[in-house]
C-alpha atoms as a PDB file:
ATOM      1  CA  MET A   1       7.987  11.527  22.926  1.00  0.00           C
ATOM      2  CA  SER A   2       5.219  12.929  21.274  1.00  0.00           C
ATOM      3  CA  THR A   3       2.019  11.415  19.990  1.00  0.00           C
ATOM      4  CA  PHE A   4       1.339  11.019  16.319  1.00  0.00           C
ATOM      5  CA  ASP A   5      -1.659  12.780  14.948  1.00  0.00           C
ATOM      6  CA  LEU A   6      -1.849   9.965  12.360  1.00  0.00           C
ATOM      7  CA  VAL A   7      -0.529   6.515  11.147  1.00  0.00           C
ATOM      8  CA  ILE A   8      -0.887   5.929   7.537  1.00  0.00           C
ATOM      9  CA  PHE A   9      -0.802   2.465   6.017  1.00  0.00           C
ATOM     10  CA  ASP A  10      -0.280   1.387   2.569  1.00  0.00           C
ATOM     11  CA  CYS A  11      -2.541  -1.651   1.783  1.00  0.00           C
ATOM     12  CA  ASP A  12      -0.918  -4.063  -0.511  1.00  0.00           C
ATOM     13  CA  GLY A  13       2.079  -5.753   1.118  1.00  0.00           C
ATOM     14  CA  VAL A  14       1.608  -3.972   4.296  1.00  0.00           C
ATOM     15  CA  LEU A  15      -1.832  -4.609   5.765  1.00  0.00           C
ATOM     16  CA  ILE A  16      -2.839  -7.622   3.284  1.00  0.00           C
ATOM     17  CA  ASP A  17      -0.722 -10.216   1.475  1.00  0.00           C
ATOM     18  CA  SER A  18      -2.018  -9.359  -1.747  1.00  0.00           C
ATOM     19  CA  GLU A  19       1.206  -8.655  -3.927  1.00  0.00           C
ATOM     20  CA  PRO A  20       1.965 -12.283  -5.113  1.00  0.00           C
ATOM     21  CA  LEU A  21      -1.418 -12.893  -6.146  1.00  0.00           C
ATOM     22  CA  ALA A  22      -1.873  -9.552  -8.099  1.00  0.00           C
ATOM     23  CA  SER A  23       1.679 -10.302  -9.828  1.00  0.00           C
ATOM     24  CA  ARG A  24       1.013 -13.912 -10.542  1.00  0.00           C
ATOM     25  CA  THR A  25      -2.431 -12.906 -12.077  1.00  0.00           C
ATOM     26  CA  LEU A  26      -1.082 -10.075 -14.074  1.00  0.00           C
ATOM     27  CA  ALA A  27       1.703 -12.190 -15.500  1.00  0.00           C
ATOM     28  CA  ARG A  28      -0.961 -14.731 -16.705  1.00  0.00           C
ATOM     29  CA  ALA A  29      -3.215 -11.869 -18.293  1.00  0.00           C
ATOM     30  CA  MET A  30       0.031 -10.148 -19.938  1.00  0.00           C
ATOM     31  CA  THR A  31       1.120 -13.660 -21.070  1.00  0.00           C
ATOM     32  CA  ALA A  32      -2.303 -14.207 -22.766  1.00  0.00           C
ATOM     33  CA  ALA A  33      -1.981 -11.061 -24.399  1.00  0.00           C
ATOM     34  CA  GLY A  34       1.065 -11.755 -26.193  1.00  0.00           C
ATOM     35  CA  MET A  35       3.331 -10.320 -23.630  1.00  0.00           C
ATOM     36  CA  PRO A  36       5.088 -13.271 -21.781  1.00  0.00           C
ATOM     37  CA  ILE A  37       6.434 -12.113 -18.298  1.00  0.00           C
ATOM     38  CA  SER A  38       6.994 -14.182 -15.107  1.00  0.00           C
ATOM     39  CA  SER A  39       5.293 -13.659 -11.976  1.00  0.00           C
ATOM     40  CA  GLN A  40       8.473 -12.574 -10.238  1.00  0.00           C
ATOM     41  CA  GLN A  41       9.228 -10.064 -12.957  1.00  0.00           C
ATOM     42  CA  ALA A  42       5.758  -8.448 -12.837  1.00  0.00           C
ATOM     43  CA  LEU A  43       6.163  -8.255  -9.096  1.00  0.00           C
ATOM     44  CA  VAL A  44       9.412  -6.253  -9.576  1.00  0.00           C
ATOM     45  CA  ASP A  45       8.029  -3.976 -12.367  1.00  0.00           C
ATOM     46  CA  PHE A  46       4.523  -3.135 -11.411  1.00  0.00           C
ATOM     47  CA  THR A  47       4.255  -3.641  -7.498  1.00  0.00           C
ATOM     48  CA  GLY A  48       3.304  -0.178  -5.979  1.00  0.00           C
ATOM     49  CA  LYS A  49       2.160   1.457  -9.098  1.00  0.00           C
ATOM     50  CA  SER A  50      -1.454   2.858  -9.725  1.00  0.00           C
ATOM     51  CA  LEU A  51      -3.530   1.175 -12.347  1.00  0.00           C
ATOM     52  CA  GLY A  52      -2.916   4.347 -14.731  1.00  0.00           C
ATOM     53  CA  ASP A  53       0.948   3.785 -14.441  1.00  0.00           C
ATOM     54  CA  ILE A  54       0.444   0.087 -15.261  1.00  0.00           C
ATOM     55  CA  ARG A  55      -1.766   0.890 -18.348  1.00  0.00           C
ATOM     56  CA  GLN A  56       0.809   3.609 -19.466  1.00  0.00           C
ATOM     57  CA  THR A  57       3.826   1.078 -19.037  1.00  0.00           C
ATOM     58  CA  LEU A  58       1.989  -1.545 -20.997  1.00  0.00           C
ATOM     59  CA  LEU A  59       0.892   0.659 -23.649  1.00  0.00           C
ATOM     60  CA  GLU A  60       4.706   1.667 -24.078  1.00  0.00           C
ATOM     61  CA  ARG A  61       5.627  -1.725 -24.462  1.00  0.00           C
ATOM     62  CA  GLY A  62       3.174  -2.104 -27.079  1.00  0.00           C
ATOM     63  CA  LEU A  63      -0.031  -3.629 -25.735  1.00  0.00           C
ATOM     64  CA  GLU A  64      -3.240  -2.516 -27.808  1.00  0.00           C
ATOM     65  CA  ASP A  65      -6.029  -3.632 -25.924  1.00  0.00           C
ATOM     66  CA  PHE A  66      -5.321  -2.690 -22.184  1.00  0.00           C
ATOM     67  CA  GLU A  67      -9.062  -2.498 -21.302  1.00  0.00           C
ATOM     68  CA  GLY A  68      -9.466  -6.237 -22.390  1.00  0.00           C
ATOM     69  CA  LEU A  69      -6.432  -7.471 -20.413  1.00  0.00           C
ATOM     70  CA  HIS A  70      -7.529  -5.413 -17.458  1.00  0.00           C
ATOM     71  CA  ARG A  71     -10.819  -7.147 -17.532  1.00  0.00           C
ATOM     72  CA  ASP A  72      -9.492 -10.580 -17.641  1.00  0.00           C
ATOM     73  CA  TRP A  73      -6.746  -9.776 -15.047  1.00  0.00           C
ATOM     74  CA  GLN A  74      -9.190  -8.233 -12.595  1.00  0.00           C
ATOM     75  CA  ALA A  75     -11.767 -11.038 -12.858  1.00  0.00           C
ATOM     76  CA  GLU A  76      -8.958 -13.730 -12.047  1.00  0.00           C
ATOM     77  CA  LEU A  77      -7.360 -11.423  -9.326  1.00  0.00           C
ATOM     78  CA  PHE A  78     -10.717 -10.645  -7.542  1.00  0.00           C
ATOM     79  CA  GLY A  79     -11.430 -14.352  -7.528  1.00  0.00           C
ATOM     80  CA  SER A  80      -7.907 -15.009  -6.053  1.00  0.00           C
ATOM     81  CA  PHE A  81      -8.631 -12.590  -3.357  1.00  0.00           C
ATOM     82  CA  ALA A  82     -11.796 -14.090  -2.509  1.00  0.00           C
ATOM     83  CA  SER A  83     -10.229 -17.411  -1.910  1.00  0.00           C
ATOM     84  CA  ASP A  84      -6.600 -16.965  -0.962  1.00  0.00           C
ATOM     85  CA  LEU A  85      -6.184 -13.371   0.398  1.00  0.00           C
ATOM     86  CA  ARG A  86      -5.116 -13.116   3.891  1.00  0.00           C
ATOM     87  CA  PRO A  87      -4.000 -10.030   6.190  1.00  0.00           C
ATOM     88  CA  MET A  88      -0.137  -9.682   6.530  1.00  0.00           C
ATOM     89  CA  ALA A  89       1.303 -11.885   9.247  1.00  0.00           C
ATOM     90  CA  GLY A  90       1.117 -10.118  12.474  1.00  0.00           C
ATOM     91  CA  ILE A  91      -0.394  -6.949  11.308  1.00  0.00           C
ATOM     92  CA  GLU A  92      -3.739  -7.473  13.441  1.00  0.00           C
ATOM     93  CA  ASP A  93      -1.856  -7.921  16.435  1.00  0.00           C
ATOM     94  CA  LEU A  94      -0.141  -4.444  15.746  1.00  0.00           C
ATOM     95  CA  LEU A  95      -3.222  -3.008  15.311  1.00  0.00           C
ATOM     96  CA  ASP A  96      -4.578  -4.053  18.563  1.00  0.00           C
ATOM     97  CA  ARG A  97      -1.507  -2.559  20.323  1.00  0.00           C
ATOM     98  CA  LEU A  98      -1.611   0.699  18.325  1.00  0.00           C
ATOM     99  CA  ASP A  99      -3.448   3.597  19.986  1.00  0.00           C
ATOM    100  CA  ALA A 100      -3.360   6.388  17.441  1.00  0.00           C
ATOM    101  CA  PRO A 101      -5.460   7.468  14.640  1.00  0.00           C
ATOM    102  CA  ILE A 102      -4.933   5.556  11.431  1.00  0.00           C
ATOM    103  CA  CYS A 103      -5.981   5.356   7.781  1.00  0.00           C
ATOM    104  CA  VAL A 104      -5.127   3.782   4.572  1.00  0.00           C
ATOM    105  CA  ALA A 105      -3.342   5.485   1.639  1.00  0.00           C
ATOM    106  CA  SER A 106      -3.299   3.164  -1.448  1.00  0.00           C
ATOM    107  CA  ASN A 107      -2.494   3.161  -5.130  1.00  0.00           C
ATOM    108  CA  SER A 108      -5.380   0.789  -5.694  1.00  0.00           C
ATOM    109  CA  GLY A 109      -8.719   1.775  -6.688  1.00  0.00           C
ATOM    110  CA  HIS A 110     -11.731   1.861  -4.557  1.00  0.00           C
ATOM    111  CA  GLU A 111     -13.237  -1.115  -6.488  1.00  0.00           C
ATOM    112  CA  ARG A 112      -9.886  -3.178  -5.958  1.00  0.00           C
ATOM    113  CA  LEU A 113      -9.629  -1.859  -2.250  1.00  0.00           C
ATOM    114  CA  ARG A 114     -13.390  -3.262  -1.428  1.00  0.00           C
ATOM    115  CA  ALA A 115     -12.668  -6.547  -3.419  1.00  0.00           C
ATOM    116  CA  SER A 116      -9.375  -7.089  -1.436  1.00  0.00           C
ATOM    117  CA  LEU A 117      -9.128  -5.126   2.020  1.00  0.00           C
ATOM    118  CA  GLY A 118     -12.958  -5.273   2.140  1.00  0.00           C
ATOM    119  CA  LEU A 119     -12.879  -9.022   2.241  1.00  0.00           C
ATOM    120  CA  THR A 120     -10.652  -8.990   5.676  1.00  0.00           C
ATOM    121  CA  PRO A 121     -11.530  -8.131   9.299  1.00  0.00           C
ATOM    122  CA  LEU A 122      -9.112  -5.001   8.634  1.00  0.00           C
ATOM    123  CA  TRP A 123     -11.808  -3.339   6.774  1.00  0.00           C
ATOM    124  CA  GLN A 124     -13.975  -2.340   9.872  1.00  0.00           C
ATOM    125  CA  ARG A 125     -10.740  -1.174  11.594  1.00  0.00           C
ATOM    126  CA  PHE A 126     -10.117   1.460   8.901  1.00  0.00           C
ATOM    127  CA  ALA A 127     -13.332   2.272   7.042  1.00  0.00           C
ATOM    128  CA  PRO A 128     -14.209   4.893   6.188  1.00  0.00           C
ATOM    129  CA  ARG A 129     -10.737   6.204   6.344  1.00  0.00           C
ATOM    130  CA  VAL A 130      -9.665   4.162   3.212  1.00  0.00           C
ATOM    131  CA  PHE A 131      -8.244   6.550   0.887  1.00  0.00           C
ATOM    132  CA  SER A 132      -7.108   5.591  -2.902  1.00  0.00           C
ATOM    133  CA  ALA A 133      -5.562   7.001  -5.870  1.00  0.00           C
ATOM    134  CA  ASP A 134      -8.900   7.548  -7.117  1.00  0.00           C
ATOM    135  CA  ASP A 135      -9.281  10.671  -4.781  1.00  0.00           C
ATOM    136  CA  VAL A 136      -6.631  12.661  -5.920  1.00  0.00           C
ATOM    137  CA  PRO A 137      -5.189  14.088  -9.162  1.00  0.00           C
ATOM    138  CA  ARG A 138      -2.075  12.142  -8.812  1.00  0.00           C
ATOM    139  CA  PRO A 139      -1.097   8.926  -7.240  1.00  0.00           C
ATOM    140  CA  LYS A 140       2.150   8.031  -5.282  1.00  0.00           C
ATOM    141  CA  PRO A 141       4.977   9.023  -5.643  1.00  0.00           C
ATOM    142  CA  ALA A 142       3.324  12.405  -5.875  1.00  0.00           C
ATOM    143  CA  PRO A 143       2.401  13.757  -2.261  1.00  0.00           C
ATOM    144  CA  ASP A 144      -1.448  14.240  -3.363  1.00  0.00           C
ATOM    145  CA  LEU A 145      -2.727  11.025  -1.587  1.00  0.00           C
ATOM    146  CA  VAL A 146      -0.813  11.564   1.646  1.00  0.00           C
ATOM    147  CA  GLN A 147      -1.909  15.165   1.920  1.00  0.00           C
ATOM    148  CA  HIS A 148      -5.423  14.025   1.221  1.00  0.00           C
ATOM    149  CA  CYS A 149      -5.119  11.814   4.112  1.00  0.00           C
ATOM    150  CA  LEU A 150      -3.834  14.563   6.401  1.00  0.00           C
ATOM    151  CA  GLU A 151      -6.587  17.001   5.364  1.00  0.00           C
ATOM    152  CA  ARG A 152      -9.494  14.595   5.832  1.00  0.00           C
ATOM    153  CA  CYS A 153      -7.888  13.480   9.296  1.00  0.00           C
ATOM    154  CA  GLY A 154      -6.878  16.997  10.534  1.00  0.00           C
ATOM    155  CA  ALA A 155      -3.409  15.781  11.080  1.00  0.00           C
ATOM    156  CA  ARG A 156      -0.198  17.675  10.905  1.00  0.00           C
ATOM    157  CA  PRO A 157       2.870  16.275   8.617  1.00  0.00           C
ATOM    158  CA  GLU A 158       5.316  16.740  11.099  1.00  0.00           C
ATOM    159  CA  ARG A 159       3.382  14.649  13.656  1.00  0.00           C
ATOM    160  CA  SER A 160       2.069  11.831  11.316  1.00  0.00           C
ATOM    161  CA  VAL A 161       4.013   8.659   9.933  1.00  0.00           C
ATOM    162  CA  MET A 162       3.473   6.707   7.043  1.00  0.00           C
ATOM    163  CA  ILE A 163       4.306   2.974   6.337  1.00  0.00           C
ATOM    164  CA  ASP A 164       4.779   1.778   2.941  1.00  0.00           C
ATOM    165  CA  ASP A 165       6.445  -1.069   1.339  1.00  0.00           C
ATOM    166  CA  SER A 166       7.120   0.649  -2.145  1.00  0.00           C
ATOM    167  CA  ALA A 167       9.583   3.431  -3.043  1.00  0.00           C
ATOM    168  CA  HIS A 168       6.737   5.363  -4.349  1.00  0.00           C
ATOM    169  CA  GLY A 169       4.949   5.442  -1.199  1.00  0.00           C
ATOM    170  CA  ILE A 170       8.155   6.605   0.742  1.00  0.00           C
ATOM    171  CA  ALA A 171       8.690   9.451  -1.949  1.00  0.00           C
ATOM    172  CA  ALA A 172       5.139  10.600  -1.330  1.00  0.00           C
ATOM    173  CA  ALA A 173       5.627  10.403   2.326  1.00  0.00           C
ATOM    174  CA  ARG A 174       8.688  12.642   2.162  1.00  0.00           C
ATOM    175  CA  ALA A 175       7.290  15.125  -0.360  1.00  0.00           C
ATOM    176  CA  ALA A 176       4.223  15.570   2.063  1.00  0.00           C
ATOM    177  CA  GLY A 177       6.408  15.893   5.160  1.00  0.00           C
ATOM    178  CA  VAL A 178       5.458  12.863   6.716  1.00  0.00           C
ATOM    179  CA  LEU A 179       7.935  10.414   8.477  1.00  0.00           C
ATOM    180  CA  PRO A 180       8.405   7.506   6.015  1.00  0.00           C
ATOM    181  CA  ILE A 181       8.815   4.155   7.476  1.00  0.00           C
ATOM    182  CA  GLY A 182       9.864   1.432   5.031  1.00  0.00           C
ATOM    183  CA  PHE A 183       8.176  -1.898   5.367  1.00  0.00           C
ATOM    184  CA  VAL A 184       9.679  -5.177   4.076  1.00  0.00           C
ATOM    185  CA  ASP A 185       7.685  -8.519   3.865  1.00  0.00           C
ATOM    186  CA  PRO A 186       9.903 -11.300   5.337  1.00  0.00           C
ATOM    187  CA  ALA A 187       8.725 -13.483   2.436  1.00  0.00           C
ATOM    188  CA  ASP A 188       9.343 -11.069  -0.217  1.00  0.00           C
ATOM    189  CA  ILE A 189      11.360 -12.958  -2.901  1.00  0.00           C
ATOM    190  CA  ARG A 190      13.106  -9.534  -4.148  1.00  0.00           C
ATOM    191  CA  PRO A 191      16.664  -9.124  -2.387  1.00  0.00           C
ATOM    192  CA  ASP A 192      16.744  -5.508  -2.839  1.00  0.00           C
ATOM    193  CA  ARG A 193      13.959  -4.113  -0.866  1.00  0.00           C
ATOM    194  CA  ALA A 194      15.655  -2.627   1.839  1.00  0.00           C
ATOM    195  CA  GLU A 195      18.090  -0.796  -0.052  1.00  0.00           C
ATOM    196  CA  ARG A 196      15.382   0.733  -2.460  1.00  0.00           C
ATOM    197  CA  LEU A 197      13.521   1.949   0.357  1.00  0.00           C
ATOM    198  CA  ALA A 198      16.375   3.540   1.573  1.00  0.00           C
ATOM    199  CA  GLU A 199      17.380   4.835  -1.400  1.00  0.00           C
ATOM    200  CA  ALA A 200      13.815   6.552  -1.585  1.00  0.00           C
ATOM    201  CA  GLY A 201      14.441   8.118   1.752  1.00  0.00           C
ATOM    202  CA  ALA A 202      12.747   5.881   4.364  1.00  0.00           C
ATOM    203  CA  HIS A 203      13.651   7.292   8.066  1.00  0.00           C
ATOM    204  CA  HIS A 204      13.251   3.594   9.270  1.00  0.00           C
ATOM    205  CA  ILE A 205      13.217   0.361   7.415  1.00  0.00           C
ATOM    206  CA  VAL A 206      11.417  -2.669   9.245  1.00  0.00           C
ATOM    207  CA  THR A 207      11.001  -6.302   8.338  1.00  0.00           C
ATOM    208  CA  GLY A 208       7.640  -7.821   9.508  1.00  0.00           C
ATOM    209  CA  ALA A 209       4.985  -6.567  11.710  1.00  0.00           C
ATOM    210  CA  GLY A 210       6.654  -7.457  14.723  1.00  0.00           C
ATOM    211  CA  ALA A 211       9.510  -5.193  13.956  1.00  0.00           C
ATOM    212  CA  LEU A 212       6.938  -2.528  13.089  1.00  0.00           C
ATOM    213  CA  SER A 213       5.354  -3.085  16.412  1.00  0.00           C
ATOM    214  CA  ALA A 214       8.553  -2.751  18.119  1.00  0.00           C
ATOM    215  CA  LEU A 215       9.636   0.599  16.298  1.00  0.00           C
ATOM    216  CA  LEU A 216       6.213   2.301  16.809  1.00  0.00           C
ATOM    217  CA  ASP A 217       5.300   1.298  20.515  1.00  0.00           C
ATOM    218  CA  PRO A 218       7.871   3.779  21.926  1.00  0.00           C
ATOM    219  CA  MET A 219       6.896   6.507  19.815  1.00  0.00           C
ATOM    220  CA  ILE A 220       3.478   6.574  20.452  1.00  0.00           C
ATOM    221  CA  ILE A 221       1.622   7.874  23.563  1.00  0.00           C
ATOM    222  CA  ALA A 222      -1.802   5.802  24.168  1.00  0.00           C
ATOM    223  CA  GLU A 223      -4.128   8.880  23.963  1.00  0.00           C
ATOM    224  CA  ARG A 224      -5.859   9.513  20.678  1.00  0.00           C
ATOM    225  CA  LYS A 225      -5.434  13.235  19.690  1.00  0.00           C
ATOM    226  CA  VAL A 226      -7.314  13.657  16.203  1.00  0.00           C
ATOM    227  CA  ALA A 227     -10.543  11.767  15.241  1.00  0.00           C
ATOM    228  CA  CYS A 228     -10.801  11.376  11.497  1.00  0.00           C
ATOM    229  CA  PRO A 229     -14.425  12.383  10.182  1.00  0.00           C
ATOM    230  CA  ALA A 230     -16.374  10.079   8.173  1.00  0.00           C
END
């Protein structure tokens, strides 16, 4: 068995239970802007996408004022984070057991990461190793963000693993040469998550933090090999 140089975590839907809040508030903002959509369809259409990708999609659908929609959405979303956001069930126990270097690779911007992950005890486990699509030219599914994590943490791709709940993240990990693990939230209402992750090339697919811990435990020797710089 070999030690991983780095375990890379997506944020939304892996570390924090933010995706239902984001899809619900985005659906309300879109509906108010004259583009009616259900929370479930917003979850399907926009989960895992960067803000730039969401903007482009909405403009292609005919939205004229993205800045206004984004302002209204962000205000409600950040309020929901402050009152309702929780870490994903079991993720803190997993991190307690995981003796390997860790970081975050999120398509969310740094402002949203501070307003979401930053409200939870998880922030102290990862900061300053919280990396965002803001840090690179191209978000996931391009490999740029994963490569940025590897460079900042001095990690080798063939000795690193990435956990992501979106096809974009799995594609990015594969393109960067990192072992991709697909993560499915047991409470996710979408029935095709495992299939979508498999199609994107996930090497393993797990449902919930308990299954993820069971997969990672035998893979990791309890000795840190790489320390990520601040």
